[in-house]
């Protein structure tokens, strides 16, 4: 656990946009994400959580990126998503493996460009927060190639922390 905390401290001094926590269910990934948030310069900003296991498809994408009026039937007004709600703080995306591949592609582009578009929108909005993403599935697990978008997998590998059970 000490090495995990040391790595989290290193991430704060380097100030990366992205931190990827990989570990089995019950290893304390959200707890560690909160430690990172509340012990960083972002501690005064919001900590916003999106669980990819709770919603599916475009509803999940709308929750993360927000949407513009008319983006889909029922979108009678523009709504900000989790990226905007977490501005100046931390966006915690839990169980990334449940996020659809096209949405993972949009997430990879957002990380790469440090900006994003709302669903149905064309204007790029800047990202001014830290993104902490988790998964119980290892990025390189054999047979899991279709679970993670290739570009996102590559970005996550650079900022990965493994978490294991402590007995």
Foldseek 3Di string as FASTA:
>chain_A
DVVLVVLLVVCQVVVAQEAEEEAAPPLCLVVSVVVSFCPHPLNVFDEAEDELVVDADPVSLCQAAWAADPLDPPRNHTDGHQQVNRASTEYEYEALLSYAAVSLVQVLVCSVVQWHARRVGDDTGHGRYHYYYYHHDDLPPPPCVNSHHPSSSVVNVVNYDYTYDDD
